[in-house]
């Protein structure tokens, strides 16, 4: 079981879009995939068709009450793809868990105790370096960082890299970086091309070859509660996430050190 946190403390960079569509692309190859929604907004849950009224047990119950992961996970309409949904209840976890000695190990423990094992677990993290994100990083083998192709894109990475280093030194020494994926890329746009050049110059092989384009179908798919490969499998967005899934699998076990 390979556990990957999809994280960037900057919002609006495509974390949830990547979690949903990378998960669906991996599932399409025949791998069993669980998406874990650790964002209080619950957008990954909504984007995979899990209505708010059907979220009887959520990731909040795992962290606060010790609910079993297999009881929380729900199947989706995509074969081989399940999701552990979230609600806004998660927004109070920093306060509710603040005094617990094991507060950053709760999700790791839940994964370890689960009777159901997946090939991939993708954790959709909130846009902050909160206790939720720390739980995700401690439980993960690696992180994948969506990076929007826009001005200042690289500036927020330094704090994330420091956090990864601290987690490795204290709670999860095996944590690595799978890579950085450029999102919302427009090859016709000079700024997008410049961000790509800067990222590849500064980060080298950490940057995935595959880039996720700006794509209307990719933007429309969540409103139909579908990943783009189900909504429009011929679209550029769908092909990009299939390519990213293939590249992620080919990279195998992450070996890269943090900066």
C-alpha atoms as a PDB file:
ATOM      1  CA  UNK A   1       0.000   0.000   0.000  1.00  0.00           C
ATOM      2  CA  UNK A   2       1.468   3.300  -1.116  1.00  0.00           C
ATOM      3  CA  UNK A   3       0.204   6.354   0.783  1.00  0.00           C
ATOM      4  CA  UNK A   4       0.616   9.766  -0.878  1.00  0.00           C
ATOM      5  CA  UNK A   5      -0.367  13.155   0.498  1.00  0.00           C
ATOM      6  CA  UNK A   6      -1.401  15.638  -2.167  1.00  0.00           C
ATOM      7  CA  UNK A   7      -0.458  18.863  -0.490  1.00  0.00           C
ATOM      8  CA  UNK A   8       0.419  22.513  -0.919  1.00  0.00           C
ATOM      9  CA  UNK A   9      -0.433  25.115   1.703  1.00  0.00           C
ATOM     10  CA  UNK A  10      -1.402  27.500  -1.093  1.00  0.00           C
ATOM     11  CA  UNK A  11      -5.054  27.214  -2.088  1.00  0.00           C
ATOM     12  CA  UNK A  12      -6.433  26.998  -5.593  1.00  0.00           C
ATOM     13  CA  UNK A  13      -3.539  25.046  -7.081  1.00  0.00           C
ATOM     14  CA  UNK A  14      -5.461  21.909  -8.038  1.00  0.00           C
ATOM     15  CA  UNK A  15      -5.003  19.605  -5.028  1.00  0.00           C
ATOM     16  CA  UNK A  16      -8.547  18.260  -5.026  1.00  0.00           C
ATOM     17  CA  UNK A  17      -8.713  18.111  -8.812  1.00  0.00           C
ATOM     18  CA  UNK A  18      -5.502  16.107  -8.761  1.00  0.00           C
ATOM     19  CA  UNK A  19      -6.682  13.789  -5.972  1.00  0.00           C
ATOM     20  CA  UNK A  20      -9.926  12.962  -7.785  1.00  0.00           C
ATOM     21  CA  UNK A  21      -8.531  12.591 -11.276  1.00  0.00           C
ATOM     22  CA  UNK A  22      -5.220  10.935 -10.432  1.00  0.00           C
ATOM     23  CA  UNK A  23      -7.138   8.503  -8.227  1.00  0.00           C
ATOM     24  CA  UNK A  24      -9.552   7.694 -11.048  1.00  0.00           C
ATOM     25  CA  UNK A  25      -6.693   7.316 -13.530  1.00  0.00           C
ATOM     26  CA  UNK A  26      -4.856   4.897 -11.228  1.00  0.00           C
ATOM     27  CA  UNK A  27      -8.083   2.953 -10.679  1.00  0.00           C
ATOM     28  CA  UNK A  28      -8.559   2.687 -14.449  1.00  0.00           C
ATOM     29  CA  UNK A  29      -5.306   0.708 -14.640  1.00  0.00           C
ATOM     30  CA  UNK A  30      -6.860  -1.917 -12.337  1.00  0.00           C
ATOM     31  CA  UNK A  31      -5.264  -0.731  -9.100  1.00  0.00           C
ATOM     32  CA  UNK A  32      -7.395  -0.364  -5.971  1.00  0.00           C
ATOM     33  CA  UNK A  33      -7.407   3.257  -4.827  1.00  0.00           C
ATOM     34  CA  UNK A  34      -8.728   5.087  -1.773  1.00  0.00           C
ATOM     35  CA  UNK A  35      -9.018   8.861  -1.715  1.00  0.00           C
ATOM     36  CA  UNK A  36      -9.003  10.278   1.812  1.00  0.00           C
ATOM     37  CA  UNK A  37     -10.703  13.650   2.112  1.00  0.00           C
ATOM     38  CA  UNK A  38      -8.962  15.582   4.904  1.00  0.00           C
ATOM     39  CA  UNK A  39     -10.137  19.003   3.732  1.00  0.00           C
ATOM     40  CA  UNK A  40     -13.031  20.476   5.767  1.00  0.00           C
ATOM     41  CA  UNK A  41     -14.498  21.825   2.526  1.00  0.00           C
ATOM     42  CA  UNK A  42     -15.202  18.229   1.485  1.00  0.00           C
ATOM     43  CA  UNK A  43     -14.809  19.009  -2.214  1.00  0.00           C
ATOM     44  CA  UNK A  44     -13.253  15.652  -3.086  1.00  0.00           C
ATOM     45  CA  UNK A  45     -16.289  13.946  -1.547  1.00  0.00           C
ATOM     46  CA  UNK A  46     -18.725  16.127  -3.484  1.00  0.00           C
ATOM     47  CA  UNK A  47     -16.706  15.751  -6.669  1.00  0.00           C
ATOM     48  CA  UNK A  48     -17.076  11.980  -6.480  1.00  0.00           C
ATOM     49  CA  UNK A  49     -20.815  12.047  -5.902  1.00  0.00           C
ATOM     50  CA  UNK A  50     -20.966  11.554  -2.128  1.00  0.00           C
ATOM     51  CA  UNK A  51     -23.782  13.833  -0.987  1.00  0.00           C
ATOM     52  CA  UNK A  52     -23.506  15.584   2.367  1.00  0.00           C
ATOM     53  CA  UNK A  53     -26.572  13.709   3.646  1.00  0.00           C
ATOM     54  CA  UNK A  54     -24.952  10.321   2.982  1.00  0.00           C
ATOM     55  CA  UNK A  55     -21.763  11.039   4.943  1.00  0.00           C
ATOM     56  CA  UNK A  56     -22.804   9.226   8.114  1.00  0.00           C
ATOM     57  CA  UNK A  57     -19.197   8.492   9.064  1.00  0.00           C
ATOM     58  CA  UNK A  58     -16.336  10.680   7.902  1.00  0.00           C
ATOM     59  CA  UNK A  59     -12.629  11.262   8.413  1.00  0.00           C
ATOM     60  CA  UNK A  60     -13.610  13.393  11.411  1.00  0.00           C
ATOM     61  CA  UNK A  61     -14.904  10.234  13.099  1.00  0.00           C
ATOM     62  CA  UNK A  62     -11.596   8.495  12.392  1.00  0.00           C
ATOM     63  CA  UNK A  63      -9.573  11.254  14.053  1.00  0.00           C
ATOM     64  CA  UNK A  64     -11.877  12.118  16.946  1.00  0.00           C
ATOM     65  CA  UNK A  65     -13.670   8.870  17.796  1.00  0.00           C
ATOM     66  CA  UNK A  66     -11.332   6.220  16.402  1.00  0.00           C
ATOM     67  CA  UNK A  67     -13.782   4.973  13.762  1.00  0.00           C
ATOM     68  CA  UNK A  68     -12.374   2.229  11.529  1.00  0.00           C
ATOM     69  CA  UNK A  69     -11.235   3.333   8.096  1.00  0.00           C
ATOM     70  CA  UNK A  70     -13.108   0.485   6.401  1.00  0.00           C
ATOM     71  CA  UNK A  71     -16.351   1.696   8.025  1.00  0.00           C
ATOM     72  CA  UNK A  72     -15.828   5.221   6.736  1.00  0.00           C
ATOM     73  CA  UNK A  73     -14.691   4.448   3.178  1.00  0.00           C
ATOM     74  CA  UNK A  74     -17.458   4.410   0.574  1.00  0.00           C
ATOM     75  CA  UNK A  75     -17.379   2.997  -2.971  1.00  0.00           C
ATOM     76  CA  UNK A  76     -17.771   5.445  -5.861  1.00  0.00           C
ATOM     77  CA  UNK A  77     -19.257   4.981  -9.316  1.00  0.00           C
ATOM     78  CA  UNK A  78     -15.707   4.480 -10.595  1.00  0.00           C
ATOM     79  CA  UNK A  79     -14.541   0.875 -10.508  1.00  0.00           C
ATOM     80  CA  UNK A  80     -11.689   0.244  -8.005  1.00  0.00           C
ATOM     81  CA  UNK A  81     -12.066   3.735  -6.482  1.00  0.00           C
ATOM     82  CA  UNK A  82     -13.330   4.452  -2.947  1.00  0.00           C
ATOM     83  CA  UNK A  83     -13.391   7.593  -0.830  1.00  0.00           C
ATOM     84  CA  UNK A  84     -13.296   8.360   2.881  1.00  0.00           C
ATOM     85  CA  UNK A  85     -15.462  11.509   2.878  1.00  0.00           C
ATOM     86  CA  UNK A  86     -15.209  14.707   4.899  1.00  0.00           C
ATOM     87  CA  UNK A  87     -17.510  17.394   6.262  1.00  0.00           C
ATOM     88  CA  UNK A  88     -16.981  20.800   7.809  1.00  0.00           C
ATOM     89  CA  UNK A  89     -16.706  19.045  11.206  1.00  0.00           C
ATOM     90  CA  UNK A  90     -13.009  18.641  10.370  1.00  0.00           C
ATOM     91  CA  UNK A  91     -12.475  22.365  10.837  1.00  0.00           C
ATOM     92  CA  UNK A  92     -12.569  21.905  14.631  1.00  0.00           C
ATOM     93  CA  UNK A  93      -9.983  19.140  14.854  1.00  0.00           C
ATOM     94  CA  UNK A  94      -7.057  21.405  15.710  1.00  0.00           C
ATOM     95  CA  UNK A  95      -8.893  22.489  18.854  1.00  0.00           C
ATOM     96  CA  UNK A  96     -10.355  19.095  19.725  1.00  0.00           C
ATOM     97  CA  UNK A  97      -7.082  17.223  19.282  1.00  0.00           C
ATOM     98  CA  UNK A  98      -4.774  19.907  20.626  1.00  0.00           C
ATOM     99  CA  UNK A  99      -4.113  18.214  23.974  1.00  0.00           C
ATOM    100  CA  UNK A 100      -3.704  14.629  22.782  1.00  0.00           C
ATOM    101  CA  UNK A 101      -0.178  13.268  22.978  1.00  0.00           C
ATOM    102  CA  UNK A 102      -0.629  11.148  19.849  1.00  0.00           C
ATOM    103  CA  UNK A 103      -2.467  13.798  17.859  1.00  0.00           C
ATOM    104  CA  UNK A 104      -0.247  13.623  14.746  1.00  0.00           C
ATOM    105  CA  UNK A 105      -0.309   9.800  14.622  1.00  0.00           C
ATOM    106  CA  UNK A 106      -4.086   9.274  14.592  1.00  0.00           C
ATOM    107  CA  UNK A 107      -4.499   8.734  10.880  1.00  0.00           C
ATOM    108  CA  UNK A 108      -1.346   6.648  10.615  1.00  0.00           C
ATOM    109  CA  UNK A 109      -2.755   4.368  13.323  1.00  0.00           C
ATOM    110  CA  UNK A 110      -6.085   4.121  11.478  1.00  0.00           C
ATOM    111  CA  UNK A 111      -4.346   3.081   8.273  1.00  0.00           C
ATOM    112  CA  UNK A 112      -2.272   0.504  10.099  1.00  0.00           C
ATOM    113  CA  UNK A 113      -5.327  -1.033  11.751  1.00  0.00           C
ATOM    114  CA  UNK A 114      -7.459  -1.152   8.615  1.00  0.00           C
ATOM    115  CA  UNK A 115      -8.429  -4.619   7.411  1.00  0.00           C
ATOM    116  CA  UNK A 116      -8.823  -3.316   3.858  1.00  0.00           C
ATOM    117  CA  UNK A 117      -5.587  -2.643   1.994  1.00  0.00           C
ATOM    118  CA  UNK A 118      -5.362  -0.564  -1.157  1.00  0.00           C
ATOM    119  CA  UNK A 119      -2.668  -0.254  -3.803  1.00  0.00           C
ATOM    120  CA  UNK A 120      -2.762   3.532  -3.463  1.00  0.00           C
ATOM    121  CA  UNK A 121      -4.127   5.850  -0.782  1.00  0.00           C
ATOM    122  CA  UNK A 122      -4.274   9.483  -1.896  1.00  0.00           C
ATOM    123  CA  UNK A 123      -4.851  12.032   0.870  1.00  0.00           C
ATOM    124  CA  UNK A 124      -6.407  15.333  -0.192  1.00  0.00           C
ATOM    125  CA  UNK A 125      -4.938  17.818   2.297  1.00  0.00           C
ATOM    126  CA  UNK A 126      -6.352  21.217   3.273  1.00  0.00           C
ATOM    127  CA  UNK A 127      -4.611  24.386   2.013  1.00  0.00           C
ATOM    128  CA  UNK A 128      -2.693  24.911   5.252  1.00  0.00           C
ATOM    129  CA  UNK A 129       0.009  23.304   7.376  1.00  0.00           C
ATOM    130  CA  UNK A 130      -2.543  22.361  10.046  1.00  0.00           C
ATOM    131  CA  UNK A 131      -2.889  19.353  12.323  1.00  0.00           C
ATOM    132  CA  UNK A 132      -4.858  17.679   9.540  1.00  0.00           C
ATOM    133  CA  UNK A 133      -1.946  18.097   7.140  1.00  0.00           C
ATOM    134  CA  UNK A 134       0.509  16.884   9.775  1.00  0.00           C
ATOM    135  CA  UNK A 135      -1.598  13.740  10.284  1.00  0.00           C
ATOM    136  CA  UNK A 136      -1.486  13.164   6.544  1.00  0.00           C
ATOM    137  CA  UNK A 137       2.273  13.648   6.278  1.00  0.00           C
ATOM    138  CA  UNK A 138       3.018  11.375   9.238  1.00  0.00           C
ATOM    139  CA  UNK A 139       0.857   8.645   7.668  1.00  0.00           C
ATOM    140  CA  UNK A 140       2.320   8.984   4.173  1.00  0.00           C
ATOM    141  CA  UNK A 141       5.146   7.350   2.288  1.00  0.00           C
ATOM    142  CA  UNK A 142       5.509  10.437   0.117  1.00  0.00           C
ATOM    143  CA  UNK A 143       3.984  13.711  -0.995  1.00  0.00           C
ATOM    144  CA  UNK A 144       2.904  14.990  -4.379  1.00  0.00           C
ATOM    145  CA  UNK A 145       2.794  18.763  -4.774  1.00  0.00           C
ATOM    146  CA  UNK A 146       0.494  20.422  -7.324  1.00  0.00           C
ATOM    147  CA  UNK A 147       2.059  23.708  -8.412  1.00  0.00           C
ATOM    148  CA  UNK A 148      -0.003  26.223 -10.337  1.00  0.00           C
ATOM    149  CA  UNK A 149       1.768  27.738 -13.315  1.00  0.00           C
ATOM    150  CA  UNK A 150       1.486  31.327 -12.114  1.00  0.00           C
ATOM    151  CA  UNK A 151       3.605  34.142 -10.671  1.00  0.00           C
ATOM    152  CA  UNK A 152       4.919  33.441  -7.123  1.00  0.00           C
ATOM    153  CA  UNK A 153       4.227  29.724  -7.636  1.00  0.00           C
ATOM    154  CA  UNK A 154       7.588  28.626  -6.260  1.00  0.00           C
ATOM    155  CA  UNK A 155       7.646  30.946  -3.259  1.00  0.00           C
ATOM    156  CA  UNK A 156       5.298  28.888  -1.096  1.00  0.00           C
ATOM    157  CA  UNK A 157       7.317  25.707  -1.509  1.00  0.00           C
ATOM    158  CA  UNK A 158      10.044  26.618   0.967  1.00  0.00           C
ATOM    159  CA  UNK A 159       7.781  26.356   4.038  1.00  0.00           C
ATOM    160  CA  UNK A 160       6.379  23.048   2.819  1.00  0.00           C
ATOM    161  CA  UNK A 161       9.903  21.685   2.333  1.00  0.00           C
ATOM    162  CA  UNK A 162      10.836  22.766   5.861  1.00  0.00           C
ATOM    163  CA  UNK A 163       7.751  21.041   7.238  1.00  0.00           C
ATOM    164  CA  UNK A 164       8.625  17.837   5.373  1.00  0.00           C
ATOM    165  CA  UNK A 165      12.127  17.999   6.818  1.00  0.00           C
ATOM    166  CA  UNK A 166      10.763  18.474  10.345  1.00  0.00           C
ATOM    167  CA  UNK A 167       8.368  15.542   9.928  1.00  0.00           C
ATOM    168  CA  UNK A 168      11.235  13.355   8.758  1.00  0.00           C
ATOM    169  CA  UNK A 169      13.335  14.345  11.755  1.00  0.00           C
ATOM    170  CA  UNK A 170      10.585  13.750  14.312  1.00  0.00           C
ATOM    171  CA  UNK A 171       7.738  11.470  13.252  1.00  0.00           C
ATOM    172  CA  UNK A 172       8.205   9.920   9.808  1.00  0.00           C
ATOM    173  CA  UNK A 173      11.843   9.468   8.737  1.00  0.00           C
ATOM    174  CA  UNK A 174      10.867   7.669   5.524  1.00  0.00           C
ATOM    175  CA  UNK A 175       8.775  10.535   4.106  1.00  0.00           C
ATOM    176  CA  UNK A 176       9.898  11.488   0.596  1.00  0.00           C
ATOM    177  CA  UNK A 177       8.769  13.693  -2.261  1.00  0.00           C
ATOM    178  CA  UNK A 178       7.225  11.848  -5.206  1.00  0.00           C
ATOM    179  CA  UNK A 179       7.320  14.975  -7.283  1.00  0.00           C
ATOM    180  CA  UNK A 180       5.838  18.296  -8.238  1.00  0.00           C
ATOM    181  CA  UNK A 181       3.178  18.486 -10.923  1.00  0.00           C
ATOM    182  CA  UNK A 182       2.526  21.710 -12.796  1.00  0.00           C
ATOM    183  CA  UNK A 183      -1.201  22.439 -12.997  1.00  0.00           C
ATOM    184  CA  UNK A 184      -3.347  24.896 -14.977  1.00  0.00           C
ATOM    185  CA  UNK A 185      -0.558  25.102 -17.526  1.00  0.00           C
ATOM    186  CA  UNK A 186      -1.160  26.988 -20.765  1.00  0.00           C
ATOM    187  CA  UNK A 187       1.610  26.422 -23.284  1.00  0.00           C
ATOM    188  CA  UNK A 188       0.454  29.511 -25.217  1.00  0.00           C
ATOM    189  CA  UNK A 189       0.986  31.712 -22.189  1.00  0.00           C
ATOM    190  CA  UNK A 190       4.444  33.190 -21.699  1.00  0.00           C
ATOM    191  CA  UNK A 191       4.105  33.215 -17.906  1.00  0.00           C
ATOM    192  CA  UNK A 192       3.204  29.508 -17.815  1.00  0.00           C
ATOM    193  CA  UNK A 193       6.243  28.701 -19.897  1.00  0.00           C
ATOM    194  CA  UNK A 194       8.438  30.811 -17.624  1.00  0.00           C
ATOM    195  CA  UNK A 195       7.131  29.109 -14.464  1.00  0.00           C
ATOM    196  CA  UNK A 196       7.783  25.726 -16.047  1.00  0.00           C
ATOM    197  CA  UNK A 197      11.328  26.734 -16.959  1.00  0.00           C
ATOM    198  CA  UNK A 198      12.007  28.093 -13.460  1.00  0.00           C
ATOM    199  CA  UNK A 199      10.571  24.976 -11.811  1.00  0.00           C
ATOM    200  CA  UNK A 200      12.611  22.584 -13.924  1.00  0.00           C
ATOM    201  CA  UNK A 201      15.765  24.671 -13.489  1.00  0.00           C
ATOM    202  CA  UNK A 202      15.426  24.867  -9.699  1.00  0.00           C
ATOM    203  CA  UNK A 203      13.837  21.500  -8.927  1.00  0.00           C
ATOM    204  CA  UNK A 204      15.130  19.270 -11.699  1.00  0.00           C
ATOM    205  CA  UNK A 205      13.767  15.729 -11.759  1.00  0.00           C
ATOM    206  CA  UNK A 206      11.355  16.470  -8.920  1.00  0.00           C
ATOM    207  CA  UNK A 207       9.077  18.058 -11.541  1.00  0.00           C
ATOM    208  CA  UNK A 208       6.931  15.524 -13.362  1.00  0.00           C
ATOM    209  CA  UNK A 209       7.252  15.486 -17.141  1.00  0.00           C
ATOM    210  CA  UNK A 210       3.455  15.436 -17.345  1.00  0.00           C
ATOM    211  CA  UNK A 211       1.759  18.808 -16.926  1.00  0.00           C
ATOM    212  CA  UNK A 212      -1.954  19.367 -16.318  1.00  0.00           C
ATOM    213  CA  UNK A 213      -3.365  21.876 -18.816  1.00  0.00           C
ATOM    214  CA  UNK A 214      -6.048  24.454 -18.381  1.00  0.00           C
ATOM    215  CA  UNK A 215      -9.019  22.549 -19.750  1.00  0.00           C
ATOM    216  CA  UNK A 216     -12.720  23.353 -19.841  1.00  0.00           C
ATOM    217  CA  UNK A 217     -13.759  19.703 -19.440  1.00  0.00           C
ATOM    218  CA  UNK A 218     -11.545  19.384 -16.380  1.00  0.00           C
ATOM    219  CA  UNK A 219     -13.324  22.382 -14.841  1.00  0.00           C
ATOM    220  CA  UNK A 220     -16.791  21.110 -15.757  1.00  0.00           C
ATOM    221  CA  UNK A 221     -16.419  17.529 -14.501  1.00  0.00           C
ATOM    222  CA  UNK A 222     -16.877  18.233 -10.729  1.00  0.00           C
ATOM    223  CA  UNK A 223     -20.298  19.791 -11.350  1.00  0.00           C
ATOM    224  CA  UNK A 224     -21.371  16.378 -12.666  1.00  0.00           C
ATOM    225  CA  UNK A 225     -19.745  14.608  -9.678  1.00  0.00           C
ATOM    226  CA  UNK A 226     -17.390  12.770 -12.014  1.00  0.00           C
ATOM    227  CA  UNK A 227     -13.652  12.601 -12.627  1.00  0.00           C
ATOM    228  CA  UNK A 228     -12.765  13.918 -16.051  1.00  0.00           C
ATOM    229  CA  UNK A 229     -11.858  10.482 -17.413  1.00  0.00           C
ATOM    230  CA  UNK A 230     -15.497   9.466 -16.884  1.00  0.00           C
ATOM    231  CA  UNK A 231     -16.983  12.811 -17.934  1.00  0.00           C
ATOM    232  CA  UNK A 232     -14.954  13.240 -21.142  1.00  0.00           C
ATOM    233  CA  UNK A 233     -12.300  10.564 -21.595  1.00  0.00           C
ATOM    234  CA  UNK A 234     -11.126  12.112 -24.883  1.00  0.00           C
ATOM    235  CA  UNK A 235     -10.337  15.505 -23.346  1.00  0.00           C
ATOM    236  CA  UNK A 236      -6.843  16.863 -22.852  1.00  0.00           C
ATOM    237  CA  UNK A 237      -7.423  16.947 -19.088  1.00  0.00           C
ATOM    238  CA  UNK A 238      -8.311  13.254 -18.997  1.00  0.00           C
ATOM    239  CA  UNK A 239      -5.269  12.299 -21.041  1.00  0.00           C
ATOM    240  CA  UNK A 240      -3.009  14.402 -18.822  1.00  0.00           C
ATOM    241  CA  UNK A 241      -4.119  12.597 -15.656  1.00  0.00           C
ATOM    242  CA  UNK A 242      -3.779   9.192 -17.329  1.00  0.00           C
ATOM    243  CA  UNK A 243      -0.230  10.194 -18.292  1.00  0.00           C
ATOM    244  CA  UNK A 244       0.466  11.404 -14.753  1.00  0.00           C
ATOM    245  CA  UNK A 245      -0.774   8.101 -13.299  1.00  0.00           C
ATOM    246  CA  UNK A 246       1.501   6.185 -15.656  1.00  0.00           C
ATOM    247  CA  UNK A 247       4.477   8.383 -14.763  1.00  0.00           C
ATOM    248  CA  UNK A 248       3.788   8.016 -11.035  1.00  0.00           C
ATOM    249  CA  UNK A 249       3.692   4.229 -11.335  1.00  0.00           C
ATOM    250  CA  UNK A 250       6.857   4.204 -13.432  1.00  0.00           C
ATOM    251  CA  UNK A 251       8.698   6.300 -10.853  1.00  0.00           C
ATOM    252  CA  UNK A 252       8.034   3.519  -8.370  1.00  0.00           C
ATOM    253  CA  UNK A 253       9.012   3.849  -4.730  1.00  0.00           C
ATOM    254  CA  UNK A 254      10.115   7.452  -4.131  1.00  0.00           C
ATOM    255  CA  UNK A 255      13.820   7.820  -3.420  1.00  0.00           C
ATOM    256  CA  UNK A 256      14.225  11.580  -3.595  1.00  0.00           C
ATOM    257  CA  UNK A 257      15.500  13.559  -0.659  1.00  0.00           C
ATOM    258  CA  UNK A 258      13.868  16.786   0.406  1.00  0.00           C
ATOM    259  CA  UNK A 259      15.629  20.033  -0.302  1.00  0.00           C
END
